């Protein structure tokens, strides 16, 4: 063995294929140092014949820092904040484990524990969505050979009552009680299926009137970047919002002023003192709650449910799921299938159409058979 002591630790020094290999073992025990040297010789020998050992997968707590940096480059800030929240729980449970130790069974145990602690299925699913994206990134970076989410080995929990689909009557009642800003945001969501944040971040340069097109340039996922056709109702809203932009606001950012700018502040009885046209608004929670109370709609719904309503109506109107995935900016068809929930009325109509189809064809076959028997009877006479 070519192990020797230098100071308080042992080093090894040998020649491999004409190259000197010298390194500290960081060990004060000679026997352990000799084992480390033997392991290094074995690793080099395997590499000579093309066998390269994969480095151990990183700890979740260490990789999480890199994950947040990377997703921050092309994900919406709200999505990144959501990931930070999920990582608090994920690190508490998996932080000391390597990514390779996160098996489907281990993740299932995490789901059960979170539910026992009283967390909603939707909350647990958000955590799993974060974990799925992080492990997928580890696979792409060759830090992990395979993700347990592959081939649906990890099942997301069923979320009950998380979506609410509006009837057309509820839509009318709601819009009648909204202020102008909330009204315009709601109409664009109902007519185009945009996310609230996508509506807020729409700028003047995103609109092409000649093509009746609105460009969604950034969003929750890469597929969120898409072009949407503006219906008459949506086009009216966009024209009015652009017409309200003062000339001086167009001298700001190169992207153009936002159609839904951020309020600078209020005075008196909610009177706005101005807008920052170079920054988008970020929320309409209070306005939405007030509109719900004034409309008397029960049960209540979230602003985001206007997007669910668009998706469901699109399917009921005959839009295929693949097209809807592109319209709504989903990252995968799986998301679209989970996202759209058909109403019972629509399912009832479909069943009635099947019934009518069956009766119609039974009658046609009976008439054909009767005519055939009549011809045969005439021939025998």
Protein backbone atom coordinates (compact mmCIF):
# COMPACT_ATOMS: atom_id res chain seq x y z
CA UNK A 1 0.00 0.00 0.00
CA UNK A 2 1.27 3.49 -0.78
CA UNK A 3 -0.31 5.16 2.21
CA UNK A 4 1.70 7.53 4.36
CA UNK A 5 1.08 9.92 7.17
CA UNK A 6 1.27 13.70 6.72
CA UNK A 7 0.54 15.62 9.88
CA UNK A 8 -2.57 14.20 11.53
CA UNK A 9 -4.03 12.52 8.44
CA UNK A 10 -3.04 9.81 5.95
CA UNK A 11 -2.48 10.36 2.25
CA UNK A 12 -2.12 7.94 -0.65
CA UNK A 13 0.29 8.30 -3.56
CA UNK A 14 0.40 5.88 -6.52
CA UNK A 15 0.79 5.88 -10.31
CA UNK A 16 -2.08 4.84 -12.59
CA UNK A 17 -1.41 4.51 -16.33
CA UNK A 18 1.53 6.86 -16.10
CA UNK A 19 -0.37 9.50 -14.09
CA UNK A 20 0.41 10.26 -10.47
CA UNK A 21 -2.58 10.06 -8.12
CA UNK A 22 -1.98 11.79 -4.80
CA UNK A 23 -4.72 12.75 -2.37
CA UNK A 24 -5.52 13.15 1.31
CA UNK A 25 -7.92 10.62 2.82
CA UNK A 26 -8.86 13.09 5.59
CA UNK A 27 -8.54 10.13 7.97
CA UNK A 28 -6.30 9.60 11.00
CA UNK A 29 -6.83 5.82 10.96
CA UNK A 30 -4.37 3.98 8.71
CA UNK A 31 -6.65 1.00 8.03
CA UNK A 32 -9.51 3.25 6.90
CA UNK A 33 -7.07 5.24 4.75
CA UNK A 34 -5.88 2.01 3.07
CA UNK A 35 -9.51 1.09 2.30
CA UNK A 36 -10.07 4.49 0.73
CA UNK A 37 -6.95 4.06 -1.42
CA UNK A 38 -8.14 0.61 -2.55
CA UNK A 39 -11.56 2.04 -3.46
CA UNK A 40 -9.93 4.78 -5.55
CA UNK A 41 -7.76 2.23 -7.41
CA UNK A 42 -10.88 0.14 -8.12
CA UNK A 43 -12.79 3.19 -9.39
CA UNK A 44 -9.99 4.08 -11.81
CA UNK A 45 -9.77 0.51 -13.07
CA UNK A 46 -13.52 0.40 -13.78
CA UNK A 47 -13.34 3.75 -15.58
CA UNK A 48 -10.64 2.32 -17.87
CA UNK A 49 -13.16 -0.20 -19.24
CA UNK A 50 -15.99 2.34 -19.50
CA UNK A 51 -17.75 1.63 -16.21
CA UNK A 52 -18.36 4.92 -14.43
CA UNK A 53 -20.08 4.90 -11.07
CA UNK A 54 -22.82 7.45 -10.59
CA UNK A 55 -22.21 9.93 -7.80
CA UNK A 56 -24.58 9.54 -4.83
CA UNK A 57 -27.81 11.47 -5.31
CA UNK A 58 -27.80 14.78 -3.39
CA UNK A 59 -29.74 15.34 -0.20
CA UNK A 60 -33.15 16.87 -0.78
CA UNK A 61 -32.28 19.80 1.50
CA UNK A 62 -29.20 20.60 -0.60
CA UNK A 63 -30.80 20.13 -4.01
CA UNK A 64 -33.83 22.24 -2.99
CA UNK A 65 -31.67 25.38 -3.02
CA UNK A 66 -30.52 24.71 -6.59
CA UNK A 67 -34.09 23.84 -7.60
CA UNK A 68 -35.47 27.19 -6.42
CA UNK A 69 -32.77 29.08 -8.30
CA UNK A 70 -33.47 27.22 -11.55
CA UNK A 71 -37.28 27.41 -11.45
CA UNK A 72 -37.01 31.11 -10.66
CA UNK A 73 -35.51 31.66 -14.12
CA UNK A 74 -38.59 30.71 -16.12
CA UNK A 75 -41.48 30.32 -13.69
CA UNK A 76 -43.99 32.84 -12.45
CA UNK A 77 -42.93 34.37 -9.08
CA UNK A 78 -46.19 33.16 -7.52
CA UNK A 79 -45.36 29.59 -8.55
CA UNK A 80 -41.90 29.91 -6.99
CA UNK A 81 -43.47 31.20 -3.77
CA UNK A 82 -45.80 28.20 -3.79
CA UNK A 83 -42.79 25.89 -4.13
CA UNK A 84 -41.08 27.60 -1.18
CA UNK A 85 -44.14 26.91 0.97
CA UNK A 86 -44.24 23.24 -0.07
CA UNK A 87 -40.51 22.82 0.52
CA UNK A 88 -40.95 23.72 4.19
CA UNK A 89 -42.98 20.53 4.69
CA UNK A 90 -40.97 18.44 2.25
CA UNK A 91 -37.65 19.31 3.90
CA UNK A 92 -39.08 18.59 7.34
CA UNK A 93 -39.99 15.07 6.19
CA UNK A 94 -37.34 14.28 3.54
CA UNK A 95 -34.59 16.85 4.16
CA UNK A 96 -32.03 14.38 5.53
CA UNK A 97 -32.72 11.82 2.77
CA UNK A 98 -31.04 11.52 -0.60
CA UNK A 99 -33.26 11.98 -3.66
CA UNK A 100 -32.69 8.31 -4.52
CA UNK A 101 -34.35 7.34 -1.21
CA UNK A 102 -37.62 9.05 -2.15
CA UNK A 103 -39.46 5.95 -3.31
CA UNK A 104 -43.15 5.74 -4.21
CA UNK A 105 -43.72 4.04 -0.85
CA UNK A 106 -41.92 6.83 1.06
CA UNK A 107 -43.99 9.46 -0.74
CA UNK A 108 -47.20 7.54 0.04
CA UNK A 109 -46.25 7.58 3.73
CA UNK A 110 -45.75 11.36 3.46
CA UNK A 111 -49.25 11.73 1.99
CA UNK A 112 -50.79 9.72 4.82
CA UNK A 113 -48.95 11.64 7.51
CA UNK A 114 -49.97 15.02 6.09
CA UNK A 115 -53.61 13.94 5.94
CA UNK A 116 -53.41 12.72 9.56
CA UNK A 117 -52.19 16.19 10.51
CA UNK A 118 -55.39 17.64 9.03
CA UNK A 119 -53.97 18.99 5.78
CA UNK A 120 -56.37 19.22 2.84
CA UNK A 121 -55.90 16.93 -0.16
CA UNK A 122 -55.31 20.02 -2.32
CA UNK A 123 -52.45 21.14 -0.04
CA UNK A 124 -50.79 17.71 -0.15
CA UNK A 125 -51.15 17.66 -3.95
CA UNK A 126 -49.38 21.02 -4.21
CA UNK A 127 -46.51 19.54 -2.21
CA UNK A 128 -46.37 16.53 -4.53
CA UNK A 129 -46.43 18.78 -7.61
CA UNK A 130 -43.38 20.59 -6.22
CA UNK A 131 -41.61 17.32 -5.46
CA UNK A 132 -42.43 15.91 -8.91
CA UNK A 133 -40.91 18.94 -10.64
CA UNK A 134 -37.82 18.82 -8.41
CA UNK A 135 -37.18 15.11 -9.03
CA UNK A 136 -37.79 15.61 -12.74
CA UNK A 137 -35.12 18.31 -12.75
CA UNK A 138 -32.73 15.97 -10.88
CA UNK A 139 -33.22 13.32 -13.60
CA UNK A 140 -32.53 15.86 -16.38
CA UNK A 141 -29.36 16.97 -14.59
CA UNK A 142 -28.28 13.32 -14.21
CA UNK A 143 -28.40 13.56 -10.42
CA UNK A 144 -31.02 10.83 -10.31
CA UNK A 145 -31.57 7.83 -12.60
CA UNK A 146 -35.36 7.75 -12.37
CA UNK A 147 -38.21 9.59 -10.68
CA UNK A 148 -40.85 7.67 -8.69
CA UNK A 149 -43.46 9.83 -10.43
CA UNK A 150 -42.66 8.09 -13.73
CA UNK A 151 -45.41 5.81 -15.04
CA UNK A 152 -47.81 7.23 -12.42
CA UNK A 153 -46.31 5.16 -9.60
CA UNK A 154 -47.23 8.04 -7.29
CA UNK A 155 -50.94 8.85 -7.26
CA UNK A 156 -52.22 12.32 -6.46
CA UNK A 157 -55.07 12.57 -3.99
CA UNK A 158 -58.66 13.14 -5.11
CA UNK A 159 -59.71 16.70 -4.38
CA UNK A 160 -63.37 17.05 -3.45
CA UNK A 161 -65.16 20.28 -4.10
CA UNK A 162 -62.05 22.16 -5.17
CA UNK A 163 -63.62 23.39 -8.42
CA UNK A 164 -66.86 25.26 -8.87
CA UNK A 165 -68.48 25.66 -12.29
CA UNK A 166 -70.75 28.69 -12.74
CA UNK A 167 -74.10 28.52 -14.48
CA UNK A 168 -74.86 31.24 -17.01
CA UNK A 169 -77.38 32.72 -14.58
CA UNK A 170 -74.73 32.88 -11.83
CA UNK A 171 -72.33 34.52 -14.27
CA UNK A 172 -74.93 37.20 -15.04
CA UNK A 173 -75.65 37.87 -11.35
CA UNK A 174 -71.96 38.04 -10.48
CA UNK A 175 -70.96 40.40 -13.30
CA UNK A 176 -73.85 42.70 -12.39
CA UNK A 177 -72.32 43.27 -8.93
CA UNK A 178 -68.66 43.69 -9.89
CA UNK A 179 -66.74 46.95 -10.18
CA UNK A 180 -65.28 47.82 -13.57
CA UNK A 181 -61.82 46.31 -12.98
CA UNK A 182 -63.11 43.03 -11.57
CA UNK A 183 -65.76 42.91 -14.29
CA UNK A 184 -63.12 43.19 -17.02
CA UNK A 185 -60.84 40.58 -15.43
CA UNK A 186 -63.78 38.19 -15.01
CA UNK A 187 -64.92 38.61 -18.62
CA UNK A 188 -61.44 37.89 -19.99
CA UNK A 189 -61.17 34.77 -17.83
CA UNK A 190 -64.59 33.49 -18.85
CA UNK A 191 -64.01 34.25 -22.55
CA UNK A 192 -60.39 33.06 -22.90
CA UNK A 193 -59.66 30.75 -19.96
CA UNK A 194 -56.70 32.87 -18.84
CA UNK A 195 -55.32 32.60 -15.32
CA UNK A 196 -55.88 35.69 -13.12
CA UNK A 197 -52.16 36.50 -13.12
CA UNK A 198 -52.03 36.19 -16.92
CA UNK A 199 -54.84 38.75 -17.20
CA UNK A 200 -53.11 41.11 -14.75
CA UNK A 201 -49.84 40.95 -16.73
CA UNK A 202 -51.37 41.69 -20.13
CA UNK A 203 -49.80 44.74 -21.78
CA UNK A 204 -50.83 46.90 -24.72
CA UNK A 205 -48.24 45.28 -26.99
CA UNK A 206 -49.75 41.81 -26.29
CA UNK A 207 -52.84 42.73 -28.34
CA UNK A 208 -53.16 42.46 -32.14
CA UNK A 209 -56.47 44.00 -33.14
CA UNK A 210 -56.16 43.01 -36.81
CA UNK A 211 -55.98 39.32 -35.88
CA UNK A 212 -58.24 39.66 -32.81
CA UNK A 213 -55.39 37.98 -30.98
CA UNK A 214 -53.99 38.28 -27.46
CA UNK A 215 -50.46 36.98 -26.84
CA UNK A 216 -49.87 35.39 -23.45
CA UNK A 217 -46.10 35.83 -23.20
CA UNK A 218 -45.44 34.36 -19.77
CA UNK A 219 -47.27 32.23 -17.27
CA UNK A 220 -47.22 29.27 -14.94
CA UNK A 221 -45.53 26.89 -17.41
CA UNK A 222 -43.63 27.04 -20.70
CA UNK A 223 -46.83 25.98 -22.49
CA UNK A 224 -48.55 29.00 -20.94
CA UNK A 225 -47.06 31.11 -23.75
CA UNK A 226 -49.82 31.02 -26.33
CA UNK A 227 -52.05 33.08 -28.64
CA UNK A 228 -55.73 33.43 -27.81
CA UNK A 229 -58.61 34.52 -30.04
CA UNK A 230 -60.61 37.42 -28.64
CA UNK A 231 -64.37 36.94 -28.66
CA UNK A 232 -66.61 39.99 -29.07
CA UNK A 233 -66.97 40.37 -25.29
CA UNK A 234 -63.22 40.00 -24.69
CA UNK A 235 -62.38 42.39 -27.55
CA UNK A 236 -64.68 45.02 -26.10
CA UNK A 237 -62.91 44.80 -22.73
CA UNK A 238 -59.44 45.04 -24.28
CA UNK A 239 -60.39 48.06 -26.42
CA UNK A 240 -61.82 49.88 -23.42
CA UNK A 241 -58.77 49.15 -21.24
CA UNK A 242 -56.34 50.35 -23.90
CA UNK A 243 -58.41 53.49 -24.58
CA UNK A 244 -58.14 54.34 -20.85
CA UNK A 245 -54.31 54.38 -20.90
CA UNK A 246 -53.06 58.00 -20.67
CA UNK A 247 -50.49 59.14 -23.29
CA UNK A 248 -47.78 59.69 -20.68
CA UNK A 249 -48.03 56.04 -19.59
CA UNK A 250 -46.73 54.93 -23.00
CA UNK A 251 -43.34 56.50 -22.32
CA UNK A 252 -42.44 53.86 -19.72
CA UNK A 253 -41.32 50.27 -20.17
CA UNK A 254 -40.61 48.91 -23.66
CA UNK A 255 -43.24 46.22 -23.12
CA UNK A 256 -45.90 48.90 -23.01
CA UNK A 257 -48.29 49.83 -20.20
CA UNK A 258 -50.29 47.15 -18.44
CA UNK A 259 -54.01 46.95 -19.09
CA UNK A 260 -54.54 46.32 -15.37
CA UNK A 261 -51.98 48.60 -13.64
CA UNK A 262 -51.20 48.58 -9.95
CA UNK A 263 -52.91 51.14 -7.73
CA UNK A 264 -50.54 53.67 -6.18
CA UNK A 265 -52.84 54.14 -3.23
CA UNK A 266 -56.23 55.32 -1.99
CA UNK A 267 -57.58 58.34 -0.15
CA UNK A 268 -60.93 59.01 1.44
CA UNK A 269 -63.68 56.51 0.69
CA UNK A 270 -61.60 54.20 -1.48
CA UNK A 271 -60.71 56.87 -4.06
CA UNK A 272 -57.67 55.80 -6.10
CA UNK A 273 -54.90 58.44 -6.30
CA UNK A 274 -53.35 57.00 -9.45
CA UNK A 275 -51.81 54.01 -11.18
CA UNK A 276 -48.32 52.68 -11.78
CA UNK A 277 -48.71 51.70 -15.43
CA UNK A 278 -45.36 49.90 -15.49
CA UNK A 279 -46.42 47.41 -12.80
CA UNK A 280 -49.38 44.99 -12.96
CA UNK A 281 -51.96 44.61 -10.24
CA UNK A 282 -51.59 41.43 -8.19
CA UNK A 283 -54.93 40.55 -6.61
CA UNK A 284 -58.67 41.27 -6.44
CA UNK A 285 -59.62 39.27 -3.35
CA UNK A 286 -61.54 42.03 -1.57
CA UNK A 287 -63.44 43.09 -4.68
CA UNK A 288 -64.32 39.45 -5.42
CA UNK A 289 -65.63 38.85 -1.88
CA UNK A 290 -67.76 41.99 -2.04
CA UNK A 291 -69.23 40.97 -5.40
CA UNK A 292 -70.07 37.50 -4.07
CA UNK A 293 -71.82 38.97 -1.02
CA UNK A 294 -73.78 41.46 -3.14
CA UNK A 295 -74.85 38.84 -5.70
CA UNK A 296 -76.00 36.35 -3.07
CA UNK A 297 -74.58 33.41 -5.03
CA UNK A 298 -74.43 30.21 -2.96
CA UNK A 299 -72.22 28.31 -2.60
CA UNK A 300 -69.47 30.87 -3.20
CA UNK A 301 -66.66 30.35 -5.67
CA UNK A 302 -63.07 31.46 -6.17
CA UNK A 303 -62.00 33.90 -8.86
CA UNK A 304 -59.91 31.06 -10.33
CA UNK A 305 -63.13 29.06 -10.85
CA UNK A 306 -63.95 31.34 -13.78
CA UNK A 307 -61.10 29.56 -15.57
CA UNK A 308 -62.56 26.17 -14.59
CA UNK A 309 -65.89 27.36 -15.97
CA UNK A 310 -64.29 28.23 -19.32
CA UNK A 311 -62.66 24.80 -19.53
CA UNK A 312 -65.84 22.90 -18.75
CA UNK A 313 -67.93 24.94 -21.17
CA UNK A 314 -65.33 24.35 -23.90
CA UNK A 315 -65.59 20.57 -23.49
CA UNK A 316 -69.39 20.74 -23.45
CA UNK A 317 -69.26 22.79 -26.65
CA UNK A 318 -67.30 19.99 -28.35
CA UNK A 319 -63.70 21.25 -28.04
CA UNK A 320 -61.36 18.25 -27.95
CA UNK A 321 -59.12 17.85 -24.92
CA UNK A 322 -55.85 18.26 -26.87
CA UNK A 323 -56.99 21.61 -28.24
CA UNK A 324 -58.18 22.68 -24.82
CA UNK A 325 -54.77 21.84 -23.37
CA UNK A 326 -53.21 24.37 -25.77
CA UNK A 327 -55.91 26.98 -25.16
CA UNK A 328 -55.49 26.82 -21.39
CA UNK A 329 -51.71 26.61 -21.42
CA UNK A 330 -51.39 23.31 -19.57
CA UNK A 331 -48.05 21.53 -19.38
CA UNK A 332 -49.60 18.11 -20.04
CA UNK A 333 -52.79 16.41 -21.16
CA UNK A 334 -53.00 14.81 -17.72
CA UNK A 335 -53.54 18.25 -16.18
CA UNK A 336 -56.32 19.03 -18.65
CA UNK A 337 -58.11 15.78 -17.86
CA UNK A 338 -57.98 16.57 -14.13
CA UNK A 339 -58.91 20.18 -14.69
CA UNK A 340 -62.18 19.86 -16.57
CA UNK A 341 -65.20 18.47 -14.77
CA UNK A 342 -68.34 17.90 -16.85
CA UNK A 343 -71.58 19.06 -15.29
CA UNK A 344 -74.30 16.55 -14.45
CA UNK A 345 -76.62 18.30 -16.89
CA UNK A 346 -74.12 17.70 -19.69
CA UNK A 347 -73.75 14.04 -18.73
CA UNK A 348 -77.54 13.67 -18.65
CA UNK A 349 -77.82 15.18 -22.14
CA UNK A 350 -75.15 12.80 -23.43
CA UNK A 351 -77.02 9.80 -22.00
CA UNK A 352 -80.28 10.99 -23.59
CA UNK A 353 -78.52 11.34 -26.96
CA UNK A 354 -77.31 7.76 -26.62
CA UNK A 355 -80.84 6.64 -25.80
CA UNK A 356 -82.28 8.47 -28.80
CA UNK A 357 -79.56 7.02 -31.04
CA UNK A 358 -80.36 3.50 -29.84
CA UNK A 359 -84.13 3.89 -30.37
CA UNK A 360 -83.62 5.42 -33.82
CA UNK A 361 -81.41 2.56 -35.03
CA UNK A 362 -83.66 -0.13 -33.54
CA UNK A 363 -86.56 1.35 -35.51
CA UNK A 364 -84.50 1.57 -38.70
CA UNK A 365 -83.42 -2.05 -38.40
CA UNK A 366 -87.03 -3.12 -37.71
CA UNK A 367 -88.28 -1.26 -40.79
CA UNK A 368 -85.52 -2.74 -42.95
CA UNK A 369 -86.32 -6.23 -41.66
CA UNK A 370 -90.05 -5.74 -42.30
CA UNK A 371 -89.42 -4.56 -45.86
CA UNK A 372 -87.16 -7.54 -46.43
CA UNK A 373 -89.82 -9.96 -45.17
CA UNK A 374 -92.41 -8.28 -47.41
CA UNK A 375 -90.24 -8.74 -50.51
CA UNK A 376 -89.62 -12.39 -49.65
CA UNK A 377 -93.39 -12.96 -49.12
CA UNK A 378 -94.23 -11.41 -52.49
CA UNK A 379 -91.72 -13.63 -54.26
CA UNK A 380 -93.21 -16.80 -52.81
CA UNK A 381 -96.76 -15.96 -53.90
